């Protein structure tokens, strides 16, 4: 094991900044999101949801299998977007397990949201 010399600077890891990476899906309307939805990434998440609302197609897919976490504010933004979907469908493809439970608990009966657990 290497022992640093006395007085030598120590490398201390900095805080990890959460990320939310979003890429368009191929072959269907929607995006794949990876990372987490939390305070530092809300702007990205809200932009994704705004694009989904404006898309205009009958079905929009959010592929969320690589999403580790969605905070309550992120779930609320999703619920707000779903309310603006009208008769269209917003398909949550493999969301984190807690997300459908939070939506059903706090925003029950959102008709636009469909959960696909593949």
PDB file of N, CA and C in Angstrom:
ATOM      1  N   UNK A   1       0.835  -1.164   0.000  1.00  0.00           N
ATOM      2  CA  UNK A   1       0.000   0.000   0.000  1.00  0.00           C
ATOM      3  C   UNK A   1       0.884   1.233   0.000  1.00  0.00           C
ATOM      4  N   UNK A   2       0.559   2.197  -0.845  1.00  0.00           N
ATOM      5  CA  UNK A   2       1.338   3.423  -0.926  1.00  0.00           C
ATOM      6  C   UNK A   2       0.918   4.365   0.188  1.00  0.00           C
ATOM      7  N   UNK A   3       1.900   4.899   0.869  1.00  0.00           N
ATOM      8  CA  UNK A   3       1.649   5.873   1.927  1.00  0.00           C
ATOM      9  C   UNK A   3       2.125   7.224   1.417  1.00  0.00           C
ATOM     10  N   UNK A   4       1.223   8.234   1.412  1.00  0.00           N
ATOM     11  CA  UNK A   4       1.654   9.539   0.906  1.00  0.00           C
ATOM     12  C   UNK A   4       2.699  10.155   1.820  1.00  0.00           C
ATOM     13  N   UNK A   5       3.560  10.929   1.207  1.00  0.00           N
ATOM     14  CA  UNK A   5       4.580  11.617   1.977  1.00  0.00           C
ATOM     15  C   UNK A   5       3.912  12.665   2.861  1.00  0.00           C
ATOM     16  N   UNK A   6       4.477  12.936   4.026  1.00  0.00           N
ATOM     17  CA  UNK A   6       3.915  13.980   4.877  1.00  0.00           C
ATOM     18  C   UNK A   6       3.891  15.324   4.133  1.00  0.00           C
ATOM     19  N   UNK A   7       2.790  16.020   4.208  1.00  0.00           N
ATOM     20  CA  UNK A   7       2.652  17.319   3.569  1.00  0.00           C
ATOM     21  C   UNK A   7       2.242  17.252   2.107  1.00  0.00           C
ATOM     22  N   UNK A   8       2.188  16.038   1.536  1.00  0.00           N
ATOM     23  CA  UNK A   8       1.777  15.903   0.135  1.00  0.00           C
ATOM     24  C   UNK A   8       0.269  16.122   0.039  1.00  0.00           C
ATOM     25  N   UNK A   9      -0.205  16.775  -1.038  1.00  0.00           N
ATOM     26  CA  UNK A   9      -1.650  16.990  -1.186  1.00  0.00           C
ATOM     27  C   UNK A   9      -2.374  15.656  -1.352  1.00  0.00           C
ATOM     28  N   UNK A  10      -3.540  15.576  -0.747  1.00  0.00           N
ATOM     29  CA  UNK A  10      -4.366  14.368  -0.851  1.00  0.00           C
ATOM     30  C   UNK A  10      -5.487  14.634  -1.832  1.00  0.00           C
ATOM     31  N   UNK A  11      -5.768  13.659  -2.649  1.00  0.00           N
ATOM     32  CA  UNK A  11      -6.893  13.757  -3.566  1.00  0.00           C
ATOM     33  C   UNK A  11      -8.150  13.275  -2.851  1.00  0.00           C
ATOM     34  N   UNK A  12      -9.093  14.166  -2.729  1.00  0.00           N
ATOM     35  CA  UNK A  12     -10.354  13.831  -2.081  1.00  0.00           C
ATOM     36  C   UNK A  12     -11.444  13.920  -3.142  1.00  0.00           C
ATOM     37  N   UNK A  13     -12.194  12.849  -3.329  1.00  0.00           N
ATOM     38  CA  UNK A  13     -13.239  12.906  -4.349  1.00  0.00           C
ATOM     39  C   UNK A  13     -14.281  13.963  -4.001  1.00  0.00           C
ATOM     40  N   UNK A  14     -14.730  14.684  -5.015  1.00  0.00           N
ATOM     41  CA  UNK A  14     -15.766  15.697  -4.835  1.00  0.00           C
ATOM     42  C   UNK A  14     -17.139  15.054  -4.851  1.00  0.00           C
ATOM     43  N   UNK A  15     -18.147  15.865  -4.637  1.00  0.00           N
ATOM     44  CA  UNK A  15     -19.507  15.325  -4.645  1.00  0.00           C
ATOM     45  C   UNK A  15     -19.898  14.869  -6.052  1.00  0.00           C
ATOM     46  N   UNK A  16     -20.693  13.832  -6.102  1.00  0.00           N
ATOM     47  CA  UNK A  16     -21.177  13.324  -7.375  1.00  0.00           C
ATOM     48  C   UNK A  16     -22.407  14.136  -7.766  1.00  0.00           C
ATOM     49  N   UNK A  17     -22.375  14.718  -8.952  1.00  0.00           N
ATOM     50  CA  UNK A  17     -23.500  15.504  -9.434  1.00  0.00           C
ATOM     51  C   UNK A  17     -24.420  14.581 -10.218  1.00  0.00           C
ATOM     52  N   UNK A  18     -25.695  14.495  -9.816  1.00  0.00           N
ATOM     53  CA  UNK A  18     -26.625  13.631 -10.544  1.00  0.00           C
ATOM     54  C   UNK A  18     -26.755  14.059 -12.002  1.00  0.00           C
ATOM     55  N   UNK A  19     -26.995  13.072 -12.862  1.00  0.00           N
ATOM     56  CA  UNK A  19     -27.152  13.329 -14.294  1.00  0.00           C
ATOM     57  C   UNK A  19     -28.460  12.726 -14.770  1.00  0.00           C
ATOM     58  N   UNK A  20     -28.966  13.302 -15.825  1.00  0.00           N
ATOM     59  CA  UNK A  20     -30.096  12.726 -16.538  1.00  0.00           C
ATOM     60  C   UNK A  20     -29.771  12.831 -18.015  1.00  0.00           C
ATOM     61  N   UNK A  21     -29.496  11.695 -18.630  1.00  0.00           N
ATOM     62  CA  UNK A  21     -29.180  11.647 -20.050  1.00  0.00           C
ATOM     63  C   UNK A  21     -30.419  11.187 -20.804  1.00  0.00           C
ATOM     64  N   UNK A  22     -30.718  11.865 -21.899  1.00  0.00           N
ATOM     65  CA  UNK A  22     -31.925  11.579 -22.665  1.00  0.00           C
ATOM     66  C   UNK A  22     -31.557  11.440 -24.135  1.00  0.00           C
ATOM     67  N   UNK A  23     -32.012  10.343 -24.748  1.00  0.00           N
ATOM     68  CA  UNK A  23     -31.781  10.137 -26.182  1.00  0.00           C
ATOM     69  C   UNK A  23     -33.106   9.733 -26.834  1.00  0.00           C
ATOM     70  N   UNK A  24     -33.323  10.184 -28.076  1.00  0.00           N
ATOM     71  CA  UNK A  24     -34.561   9.806 -28.765  1.00  0.00           C
ATOM     72  C   UNK A  24     -34.613   8.301 -29.027  1.00  0.00           C
ATOM     73  N   UNK A  25     -35.809   7.745 -29.000  1.00  0.00           N
ATOM     74  CA  UNK A  25     -36.002   6.344 -29.363  1.00  0.00           C
ATOM     75  C   UNK A  25     -36.031   6.221 -30.884  1.00  0.00           C
ATOM     76  N   UNK A  26     -35.628   5.079 -31.376  1.00  0.00           N
ATOM     77  CA  UNK A  26     -35.744   4.831 -32.811  1.00  0.00           C
ATOM     78  C   UNK A  26     -36.961   3.941 -33.045  1.00  0.00           C
ATOM     79  N   UNK A  27     -37.729   4.276 -34.042  1.00  0.00           N
ATOM     80  CA  UNK A  27     -38.874   3.451 -34.396  1.00  0.00           C
ATOM     81  C   UNK A  27     -40.178   3.791 -33.704  1.00  0.00           C
ATOM     82  N   UNK A  28     -40.144   4.676 -32.739  1.00  0.00           N
ATOM     83  CA  UNK A  28     -41.371   5.114 -32.069  1.00  0.00           C
ATOM     84  C   UNK A  28     -41.135   6.465 -31.407  1.00  0.00           C
ATOM     85  N   UNK A  29     -42.215   7.198 -31.200  1.00  0.00           N
ATOM     86  CA  UNK A  29     -42.109   8.525 -30.587  1.00  0.00           C
ATOM     87  C   UNK A  29     -41.762   8.379 -29.116  1.00  0.00           C
ATOM     88  N   UNK A  30     -40.711   9.054 -28.694  1.00  0.00           N
ATOM     89  CA  UNK A  30     -40.356   9.013 -27.285  1.00  0.00           C
ATOM     90  C   UNK A  30     -38.862   9.129 -27.065  1.00  0.00           C
ATOM     91  N   UNK A  31     -38.479   8.950 -25.797  1.00  0.00           N
ATOM     92  CA  UNK A  31     -37.086   9.060 -25.407  1.00  0.00           C
ATOM     93  C   UNK A  31     -36.719   7.971 -24.417  1.00  0.00           C
ATOM     94  N   UNK A  32     -35.419   7.732 -24.315  1.00  0.00           N
ATOM     95  CA  UNK A  32     -34.864   6.851 -23.284  1.00  0.00           C
ATOM     96  C   UNK A  32     -34.148   7.755 -22.299  1.00  0.00           C
ATOM     97  N   UNK A  33     -34.497   7.626 -21.027  1.00  0.00           N
ATOM     98  CA  UNK A  33     -33.871   8.434 -19.987  1.00  0.00           C
ATOM     99  C   UNK A  33     -33.013   7.538 -19.104  1.00  0.00           C
ATOM    100  N   UNK A  34     -31.819   8.031 -18.757  1.00  0.00           N
ATOM    101  CA  UNK A  34     -30.902   7.288 -17.899  1.00  0.00           C
ATOM    102  C   UNK A  34     -30.333   8.236 -16.854  1.00  0.00           C
ATOM    103  N   UNK A  35     -30.215   7.753 -15.640  1.00  0.00           N
ATOM    104  CA  UNK A  35     -29.668   8.567 -14.553  1.00  0.00           C
ATOM    105  C   UNK A  35     -30.691   8.696 -13.450  1.00  0.00           C
ATOM    106  N   UNK A  36     -30.947   9.941 -13.048  1.00  0.00           N
ATOM    107  CA  UNK A  36     -31.951  10.161 -12.001  1.00  0.00           C
ATOM    108  C   UNK A  36     -32.650  11.497 -12.201  1.00  0.00           C
ATOM    109  N   UNK A  37     -33.873  11.546 -11.690  1.00  0.00           N
ATOM    110  CA  UNK A  37     -34.640  12.791 -11.697  1.00  0.00           C
ATOM    111  C   UNK A  37     -34.636  13.304 -10.260  1.00  0.00           C
ATOM    112  N   UNK A  38     -33.904  14.384 -10.057  1.00  0.00           N
ATOM    113  CA  UNK A  38     -33.804  15.008  -8.739  1.00  0.00           C
ATOM    114  C   UNK A  38     -33.571  16.498  -8.967  1.00  0.00           C
ATOM    115  N   UNK A  39     -33.440  17.250  -7.913  1.00  0.00           N
ATOM    116  CA  UNK A  39     -33.341  18.703  -8.028  1.00  0.00           C
ATOM    117  C   UNK A  39     -32.364  19.174  -9.111  1.00  0.00           C
ATOM    118  N   UNK A  40     -31.145  18.639  -9.180  1.00  0.00           N
ATOM    119  CA  UNK A  40     -30.222  19.134 -10.213  1.00  0.00           C
ATOM    120  C   UNK A  40     -30.642  18.796 -11.647  1.00  0.00           C
ATOM    121  N   UNK A  41     -31.531  17.824 -11.832  1.00  0.00           N
ATOM    122  CA  UNK A  41     -31.909  17.411 -13.187  1.00  0.00           C
ATOM    123  C   UNK A  41     -33.344  17.757 -13.547  1.00  0.00           C
ATOM    124  N   UNK A  42     -34.050  18.476 -12.679  1.00  0.00           N
ATOM    125  CA  UNK A  42     -35.457  18.808 -12.968  1.00  0.00           C
ATOM    126  C   UNK A  42     -35.630  19.561 -14.280  1.00  0.00           C
ATOM    127  N   UNK A  43     -34.728  20.467 -14.599  1.00  0.00           N
ATOM    128  CA  UNK A  43     -34.853  21.234 -15.842  1.00  0.00           C
ATOM    129  C   UNK A  43     -34.848  20.337 -17.069  1.00  0.00           C
ATOM    130  N   UNK A  44     -33.966  19.352 -17.075  1.00  0.00           N
ATOM    131  CA  UNK A  44     -33.902  18.409 -18.189  1.00  0.00           C
ATOM    132  C   UNK A  44     -35.200  17.604 -18.255  1.00  0.00           C
ATOM    133  N   UNK A  45     -35.650  17.078 -17.108  1.00  0.00           N
ATOM    134  CA  UNK A  45     -36.863  16.266 -17.029  1.00  0.00           C
ATOM    135  C   UNK A  45     -38.083  17.055 -17.499  1.00  0.00           C
ATOM    136  N   UNK A  46     -38.210  18.280 -17.032  1.00  0.00           N
ATOM    137  CA  UNK A  46     -39.355  19.099 -17.432  1.00  0.00           C
ATOM    138  C   UNK A  46     -39.307  19.405 -18.923  1.00  0.00           C
ATOM    139  N   UNK A  47     -38.120  19.573 -19.493  1.00  0.00           N
ATOM    140  CA  UNK A  47     -37.994  19.766 -20.936  1.00  0.00           C
ATOM    141  C   UNK A  47     -38.440  18.537 -21.713  1.00  0.00           C
ATOM    142  N   UNK A  48     -38.067  17.362 -21.220  1.00  0.00           N
ATOM    143  CA  UNK A  48     -38.490  16.102 -21.849  1.00  0.00           C
ATOM    144  C   UNK A  48     -40.009  16.006 -21.842  1.00  0.00           C
ATOM    145  N   UNK A  49     -40.611  16.304 -20.702  1.00  0.00           N
ATOM    146  CA  UNK A  49     -42.065  16.193 -20.579  1.00  0.00           C
ATOM    147  C   UNK A  49     -42.783  17.230 -21.435  1.00  0.00           C
ATOM    148  N   UNK A  50     -42.229  18.426 -21.540  1.00  0.00           N
ATOM    149  CA  UNK A  50     -42.834  19.452 -22.387  1.00  0.00           C
ATOM    150  C   UNK A  50     -42.803  19.018 -23.849  1.00  0.00           C
ATOM    151  N   UNK A  51     -41.693  18.424 -24.288  1.00  0.00           N
ATOM    152  CA  UNK A  51     -41.616  17.908 -25.665  1.00  0.00           C
ATOM    153  C   UNK A  51     -42.639  16.793 -25.876  1.00  0.00           C
ATOM    154  N   UNK A  52     -42.822  15.956 -24.870  1.00  0.00           N
ATOM    155  CA  UNK A  52     -43.807  14.872 -24.975  1.00  0.00           C
ATOM    156  C   UNK A  52     -45.211  15.437 -25.156  1.00  0.00           C
ATOM    157  N   UNK A  53     -45.535  16.467 -24.391  1.00  0.00           N
ATOM    158  CA  UNK A  53     -46.866  17.084 -24.497  1.00  0.00           C
ATOM    159  C   UNK A  53     -47.049  17.698 -25.878  1.00  0.00           C
ATOM    160  N   UNK A  54     -46.031  18.366 -26.380  1.00  0.00           N
ATOM    161  CA  UNK A  54     -46.122  19.044 -27.681  1.00  0.00           C
ATOM    162  C   UNK A  54     -46.043  18.091 -28.862  1.00  0.00           C
ATOM    163  N   UNK A  55     -45.581  16.856 -28.656  1.00  0.00           N
ATOM    164  CA  UNK A  55     -45.350  15.913 -29.746  1.00  0.00           C
ATOM    165  C   UNK A  55     -46.583  15.720 -30.633  1.00  0.00           C
ATOM    166  N   UNK A  56     -47.741  15.587 -30.057  1.00  0.00           N
ATOM    167  CA  UNK A  56     -48.965  15.498 -30.842  1.00  0.00           C
ATOM    168  C   UNK A  56     -49.354  14.113 -31.306  1.00  0.00           C
ATOM    169  N   UNK A  57     -48.454  13.126 -31.217  1.00  0.00           N
ATOM    170  CA  UNK A  57     -48.815  11.763 -31.607  1.00  0.00           C
ATOM    171  C   UNK A  57     -49.761  11.135 -30.602  1.00  0.00           C
ATOM    172  N   UNK A  58     -50.371  10.032 -30.981  1.00  0.00           N
ATOM    173  CA  UNK A  58     -51.348   9.390 -30.093  1.00  0.00           C
ATOM    174  C   UNK A  58     -50.689   8.670 -28.920  1.00  0.00           C
ATOM    175  N   UNK A  59     -49.417   8.251 -29.082  1.00  0.00           N
ATOM    176  CA  UNK A  59     -48.693   7.549 -28.018  1.00  0.00           C
ATOM    177  C   UNK A  59     -47.280   8.109 -27.946  1.00  0.00           C
ATOM    178  N   UNK A  60     -46.798   8.356 -26.734  1.00  0.00           N
ATOM    179  CA  UNK A  60     -45.425   8.808 -26.515  1.00  0.00           C
ATOM    180  C   UNK A  60     -44.812   7.882 -25.470  1.00  0.00           C
ATOM    181  N   UNK A  61     -43.604   7.374 -25.758  1.00  0.00           N
ATOM    182  CA  UNK A  61     -42.942   6.408 -24.878  1.00  0.00           C
ATOM    183  C   UNK A  61     -41.814   7.068 -24.089  1.00  0.00           C
ATOM    184  N   UNK A  62     -41.793   6.773 -22.802  1.00  0.00           N
ATOM    185  CA  UNK A  62     -40.665   7.133 -21.944  1.00  0.00           C
ATOM    186  C   UNK A  62     -40.038   5.817 -21.501  1.00  0.00           C
ATOM    187  N   UNK A  63     -38.900   5.466 -22.086  1.00  0.00           N
ATOM    188  CA  UNK A  63     -38.209   4.235 -21.735  1.00  0.00           C
ATOM    189  C   UNK A  63     -37.326   4.551 -20.541  1.00  0.00           C
ATOM    190  N   UNK A  64     -37.687   4.010 -19.382  1.00  0.00           N
ATOM    191  CA  UNK A  64     -37.086   4.437 -18.115  1.00  0.00           C
ATOM    192  C   UNK A  64     -36.317   3.331 -17.397  1.00  0.00           C
ATOM    193  N   UNK A  65     -35.945   2.264 -18.096  1.00  0.00           N
ATOM    194  CA  UNK A  65     -35.276   1.141 -17.428  1.00  0.00           C
ATOM    195  C   UNK A  65     -33.922   1.520 -16.836  1.00  0.00           C
ATOM    196  N   UNK A  66     -33.279   2.566 -17.361  1.00  0.00           N
ATOM    197  CA  UNK A  66     -31.975   2.992 -16.841  1.00  0.00           C
ATOM    198  C   UNK A  66     -32.093   4.174 -15.890  1.00  0.00           C
ATOM    199  N   UNK A  67     -33.306   4.461 -15.472  1.00  0.00           N
ATOM    200  CA  UNK A  67     -33.532   5.547 -14.522  1.00  0.00           C
ATOM    201  C   UNK A  67     -33.466   4.958 -13.112  1.00  0.00           C
ATOM    202  N   UNK A  68     -32.554   5.461 -12.299  1.00  0.00           N
ATOM    203  CA  UNK A  68     -32.345   4.910 -10.961  1.00  0.00           C
ATOM    204  C   UNK A  68     -33.315   5.477  -9.934  1.00  0.00           C
ATOM    205  N   UNK A  69     -33.785   6.708 -10.149  1.00  0.00           N
ATOM    206  CA  UNK A  69     -34.551   7.379  -9.104  1.00  0.00           C
ATOM    207  C   UNK A  69     -35.356   8.512  -9.709  1.00  0.00           C
ATOM    208  N   UNK A  70     -36.576   8.698  -9.215  1.00  0.00           N
ATOM    209  CA  UNK A  70     -37.400   9.858  -9.552  1.00  0.00           C
ATOM    210  C   UNK A  70     -37.938  10.416  -8.240  1.00  0.00           C
ATOM    211  N   UNK A  71     -37.611  11.671  -7.929  1.00  0.00           N
ATOM    212  CA  UNK A  71     -38.121  12.254  -6.693  1.00  0.00           C
ATOM    213  C   UNK A  71     -39.589  12.644  -6.864  1.00  0.00           C
ATOM    214  N   UNK A  72     -40.227  13.048  -5.778  1.00  0.00           N
ATOM    215  CA  UNK A  72     -41.659  13.355  -5.811  1.00  0.00           C
ATOM    216  C   UNK A  72     -41.955  14.536  -6.729  1.00  0.00           C
ATOM    217  N   UNK A  73     -41.075  15.519  -6.770  1.00  0.00           N
ATOM    218  CA  UNK A  73     -41.290  16.654  -7.679  1.00  0.00           C
ATOM    219  C   UNK A  73     -41.236  16.189  -9.132  1.00  0.00           C
ATOM    220  N   UNK A  74     -40.347  15.261  -9.440  1.00  0.00           N
ATOM    221  CA  UNK A  74     -40.275  14.708 -10.793  1.00  0.00           C
ATOM    222  C   UNK A  74     -41.524  13.913 -11.132  1.00  0.00           C
ATOM    223  N   UNK A  75     -42.043  13.158 -10.163  1.00  0.00           N
ATOM    224  CA  UNK A  75     -43.295  12.429 -10.372  1.00  0.00           C
ATOM    225  C   UNK A  75     -44.446  13.411 -10.577  1.00  0.00           C
ATOM    226  N   UNK A  76     -44.430  14.517  -9.826  1.00  0.00           N
ATOM    227  CA  UNK A  76     -45.466  15.535  -9.984  1.00  0.00           C
ATOM    228  C   UNK A  76     -45.421  16.185 -11.355  1.00  0.00           C
ATOM    229  N   UNK A  77     -44.224  16.439 -11.862  1.00  0.00           N
ATOM    230  CA  UNK A  77     -44.086  17.000 -13.206  1.00  0.00           C
ATOM    231  C   UNK A  77     -44.630  16.018 -14.244  1.00  0.00           C
ATOM    232  N   UNK A  78     -44.388  14.735 -14.023  1.00  0.00           N
ATOM    233  CA  UNK A  78     -44.917  13.703 -14.918  1.00  0.00           C
ATOM    234  C   UNK A  78     -46.444  13.681 -14.869  1.00  0.00           C
ATOM    235  N   UNK A  79     -47.006  13.770 -13.666  1.00  0.00           N
ATOM    236  CA  UNK A  79     -48.464  13.799 -13.511  1.00  0.00           C
ATOM    237  C   UNK A  79     -49.055  15.031 -14.197  1.00  0.00           C
ATOM    238  N   UNK A  80     -48.429  16.184 -14.035  1.00  0.00           N
ATOM    239  CA  UNK A  80     -48.905  17.406 -14.690  1.00  0.00           C
ATOM    240  C   UNK A  80     -48.892  17.255 -16.207  1.00  0.00           C
ATOM    241  N   UNK A  81     -47.820  16.666 -16.734  1.00  0.00           N
ATOM    242  CA  UNK A  81     -47.743  16.450 -18.184  1.00  0.00           C
ATOM    243  C   UNK A  81     -48.850  15.496 -18.634  1.00  0.00           C
ATOM    244  N   UNK A  82     -49.072  14.440 -17.868  1.00  0.00           N
ATOM    245  CA  UNK A  82     -50.111  13.464 -18.222  1.00  0.00           C
ATOM    246  C   UNK A  82     -51.487  14.112 -18.267  1.00  0.00           C
ATOM    247  N   UNK A  83     -51.735  15.047 -17.366  1.00  0.00           N
ATOM    248  CA  UNK A  83     -53.029  15.745 -17.356  1.00  0.00           C
ATOM    249  C   UNK A  83     -53.217  16.575 -18.626  1.00  0.00           C
ATOM    250  N   UNK A  84     -52.128  16.985 -19.247  1.00  0.00           N
ATOM    251  CA  UNK A  84     -52.192  17.776 -20.477  1.00  0.00           C
ATOM    252  C   UNK A  84     -52.229  16.901 -21.730  1.00  0.00           C
ATOM    253  N   UNK A  85     -52.182  15.584 -21.568  1.00  0.00           N
ATOM    254  CA  UNK A  85     -52.169  14.665 -22.698  1.00  0.00           C
ATOM    255  C   UNK A  85     -53.546  14.449 -23.319  1.00  0.00           C
ATOM    256  N   UNK A  86     -54.595  14.799 -22.617  1.00  0.00           N
ATOM    257  CA  UNK A  86     -55.944  14.596 -23.152  1.00  0.00           C
ATOM    258  C   UNK A  86     -56.224  13.119 -23.350  1.00  0.00           C
ATOM    259  N   UNK A  87     -56.621  12.749 -24.576  1.00  0.00           N
ATOM    260  CA  UNK A  87     -56.956  11.346 -24.863  1.00  0.00           C
ATOM    261  C   UNK A  87     -55.752  10.537 -25.336  1.00  0.00           C
ATOM    262  N   UNK A  88     -54.595  11.158 -25.438  1.00  0.00           N
ATOM    263  CA  UNK A  88     -53.384  10.449 -25.866  1.00  0.00           C
ATOM    264  C   UNK A  88     -52.836   9.618 -24.718  1.00  0.00           C
ATOM    265  N   UNK A  89     -51.886   8.721 -25.047  1.00  0.00           N
ATOM    266  CA  UNK A  89     -51.276   7.857 -24.034  1.00  0.00           C
ATOM    267  C   UNK A  89     -49.806   8.199 -23.842  1.00  0.00           C
ATOM    268  N   UNK A  90     -49.374   8.152 -22.585  1.00  0.00           N
ATOM    269  CA  UNK A  90     -47.979   8.319 -22.197  1.00  0.00           C
ATOM    270  C   UNK A  90     -47.547   6.988 -21.589  1.00  0.00           C
ATOM    271  N   UNK A  91     -46.732   6.243 -22.316  1.00  0.00           N
ATOM    272  CA  UNK A  91     -46.335   4.908 -21.878  1.00  0.00           C
ATOM    273  C   UNK A  91     -45.010   4.988 -21.132  1.00  0.00           C
ATOM    274  N   UNK A  92     -45.020   4.546 -19.890  1.00  0.00           N
ATOM    275  CA  UNK A  92     -43.806   4.456 -19.078  1.00  0.00           C
ATOM    276  C   UNK A  92     -43.279   3.038 -19.228  1.00  0.00           C
ATOM    277  N   UNK A  93     -42.217   2.881 -19.978  1.00  0.00           N
ATOM    278  CA  UNK A  93     -41.650   1.571 -20.269  1.00  0.00           C
ATOM    279  C   UNK A  93     -40.592   1.239 -19.226  1.00  0.00           C
ATOM    280  N   UNK A  94     -40.866   0.243 -18.403  1.00  0.00           N
ATOM    281  CA  UNK A  94     -39.972  -0.242 -17.342  1.00  0.00           C
ATOM    282  C   UNK A  94     -39.466   0.868 -16.418  1.00  0.00           C
ATOM    283  N   UNK A  95     -40.386   1.583 -15.776  1.00  0.00           N
ATOM    284  CA  UNK A  95     -39.967   2.645 -14.856  1.00  0.00           C
ATOM    285  C   UNK A  95     -39.382   2.062 -13.572  1.00  0.00           C
ATOM    286  N   UNK A  96     -38.670   2.893 -12.794  1.00  0.00           N
ATOM    287  CA  UNK A  96     -38.222   2.431 -11.480  1.00  0.00           C
ATOM    288  C   UNK A  96     -39.452   1.979 -10.682  1.00  0.00           C
ATOM    289  N   UNK A  97     -39.342   0.916  -9.896  1.00  0.00           N
ATOM    290  CA  UNK A  97     -40.510   0.355  -9.209  1.00  0.00           C
ATOM    291  C   UNK A  97     -41.304   1.352  -8.362  1.00  0.00           C
ATOM    292  N   UNK A  98     -40.641   2.309  -7.766  1.00  0.00           N
ATOM    293  CA  UNK A  98     -41.354   3.241  -6.889  1.00  0.00           C
ATOM    294  C   UNK A  98     -42.195   4.252  -7.663  1.00  0.00           C
ATOM    295  N   UNK A  99     -41.850   4.536  -8.916  1.00  0.00           N
ATOM    296  CA  UNK A  99     -42.553   5.590  -9.654  1.00  0.00           C
ATOM    297  C   UNK A  99     -44.043   5.295  -9.847  1.00  0.00           C
ATOM    298  N   UNK A 100     -44.442   4.126 -10.349  1.00  0.00           N
ATOM    299  CA  UNK A 100     -45.883   3.875 -10.478  1.00  0.00           C
ATOM    300  C   UNK A 100     -46.614   3.911  -9.138  1.00  0.00           C
ATOM    301  N   UNK A 101     -45.938   3.459  -8.077  1.00  0.00           N
ATOM    302  CA  UNK A 101     -46.571   3.481  -6.749  1.00  0.00           C
ATOM    303  C   UNK A 101     -46.794   4.914  -6.274  1.00  0.00           C
ATOM    304  N   UNK A 102     -45.806   5.783  -6.473  1.00  0.00           N
ATOM    305  CA  UNK A 102     -45.947   7.185  -6.071  1.00  0.00           C
ATOM    306  C   UNK A 102     -47.047   7.858  -6.888  1.00  0.00           C
ATOM    307  N   UNK A 103     -47.071   7.595  -8.188  1.00  0.00           N
ATOM    308  CA  UNK A 103     -48.118   8.187  -9.032  1.00  0.00           C
ATOM    309  C   UNK A 103     -49.503   7.740  -8.579  1.00  0.00           C
ATOM    310  N   UNK A 104     -49.655   6.457  -8.303  1.00  0.00           N
ATOM    311  CA  UNK A 104     -50.966   5.949  -7.892  1.00  0.00           C
ATOM    312  C   UNK A 104     -51.364   6.469  -6.512  1.00  0.00           C
ATOM    313  N   UNK A 105     -50.403   6.652  -5.642  1.00  0.00           N
ATOM    314  CA  UNK A 105     -50.694   7.146  -4.290  1.00  0.00           C
ATOM    315  C   UNK A 105     -51.068   8.629  -4.295  1.00  0.00           C
ATOM    316  N   UNK A 106     -50.290   9.449  -5.001  1.00  0.00           N
ATOM    317  CA  UNK A 106     -50.485  10.895  -4.943  1.00  0.00           C
ATOM    318  C   UNK A 106     -51.337  11.459  -6.078  1.00  0.00           C
ATOM    319  N   UNK A 107     -51.349  10.770  -7.217  1.00  0.00           N
ATOM    320  CA  UNK A 107     -52.133  11.223  -8.376  1.00  0.00           C
ATOM    321  C   UNK A 107     -52.869  10.016  -8.948  1.00  0.00           C
ATOM    322  N   UNK A 108     -53.827   9.462  -8.198  1.00  0.00           N
ATOM    323  CA  UNK A 108     -54.484   8.228  -8.648  1.00  0.00           C
ATOM    324  C   UNK A 108     -55.333   8.449  -9.904  1.00  0.00           C
ATOM    325  N   UNK A 109     -55.380   7.414 -10.713  1.00  0.00           N
ATOM    326  CA  UNK A 109     -56.286   7.401 -11.852  1.00  0.00           C
ATOM    327  C   UNK A 109     -55.937   8.321 -12.997  1.00  0.00           C
ATOM    328  N   UNK A 110     -54.658   8.555 -13.264  1.00  0.00           N
ATOM    329  CA  UNK A 110     -54.276   9.368 -14.424  1.00  0.00           C
ATOM    330  C   UNK A 110     -54.538   8.541 -15.685  1.00  0.00           C
ATOM    331  N   UNK A 111     -55.553   8.908 -16.460  1.00  0.00           N
ATOM    332  CA  UNK A 111     -55.916   8.046 -17.593  1.00  0.00           C
ATOM    333  C   UNK A 111     -54.892   7.994 -18.713  1.00  0.00           C
ATOM    334  N   UNK A 112     -54.047   9.010 -18.848  1.00  0.00           N
ATOM    335  CA  UNK A 112     -53.085   9.031 -19.956  1.00  0.00           C
ATOM    336  C   UNK A 112     -51.898   8.111 -19.706  1.00  0.00           C
ATOM    337  N   UNK A 113     -51.606   7.781 -18.450  1.00  0.00           N
ATOM    338  CA  UNK A 113     -50.399   7.007 -18.149  1.00  0.00           C
ATOM    339  C   UNK A 113     -50.677   5.512 -18.215  1.00  0.00           C
ATOM    340  N   UNK A 114     -49.806   4.846 -18.958  1.00  0.00           N
ATOM    341  CA  UNK A 114     -49.830   3.384 -19.044  1.00  0.00           C
ATOM    342  C   UNK A 114     -48.439   2.896 -18.659  1.00  0.00           C
ATOM    343  N   UNK A 115     -48.376   1.907 -17.769  1.00  0.00           N
ATOM    344  CA  UNK A 115     -47.084   1.373 -17.352  1.00  0.00           C
ATOM    345  C   UNK A 115     -46.856   0.043 -18.054  1.00  0.00           C
ATOM    346  N   UNK A 116     -45.748  -0.041 -18.779  1.00  0.00           N
ATOM    347  CA  UNK A 116     -45.357  -1.270 -19.467  1.00  0.00           C
ATOM    348  C   UNK A 116     -44.164  -1.851 -18.729  1.00  0.00           C
ATOM    349  N   UNK A 117     -44.359  -3.006 -18.107  1.00  0.00           N
ATOM    350  CA  UNK A 117     -43.310  -3.591 -17.271  1.00  0.00           C
ATOM    351  C   UNK A 117     -42.430  -4.586 -18.015  1.00  0.00           C
ATOM    352  N   UNK A 118     -42.671  -4.804 -19.290  1.00  0.00           N
ATOM    353  CA  UNK A 118     -41.926  -5.735 -20.147  1.00  0.00           C
ATOM    354  C   UNK A 118     -41.260  -6.779 -19.316  1.00  0.00           C
TER     355      UNK A 118
END
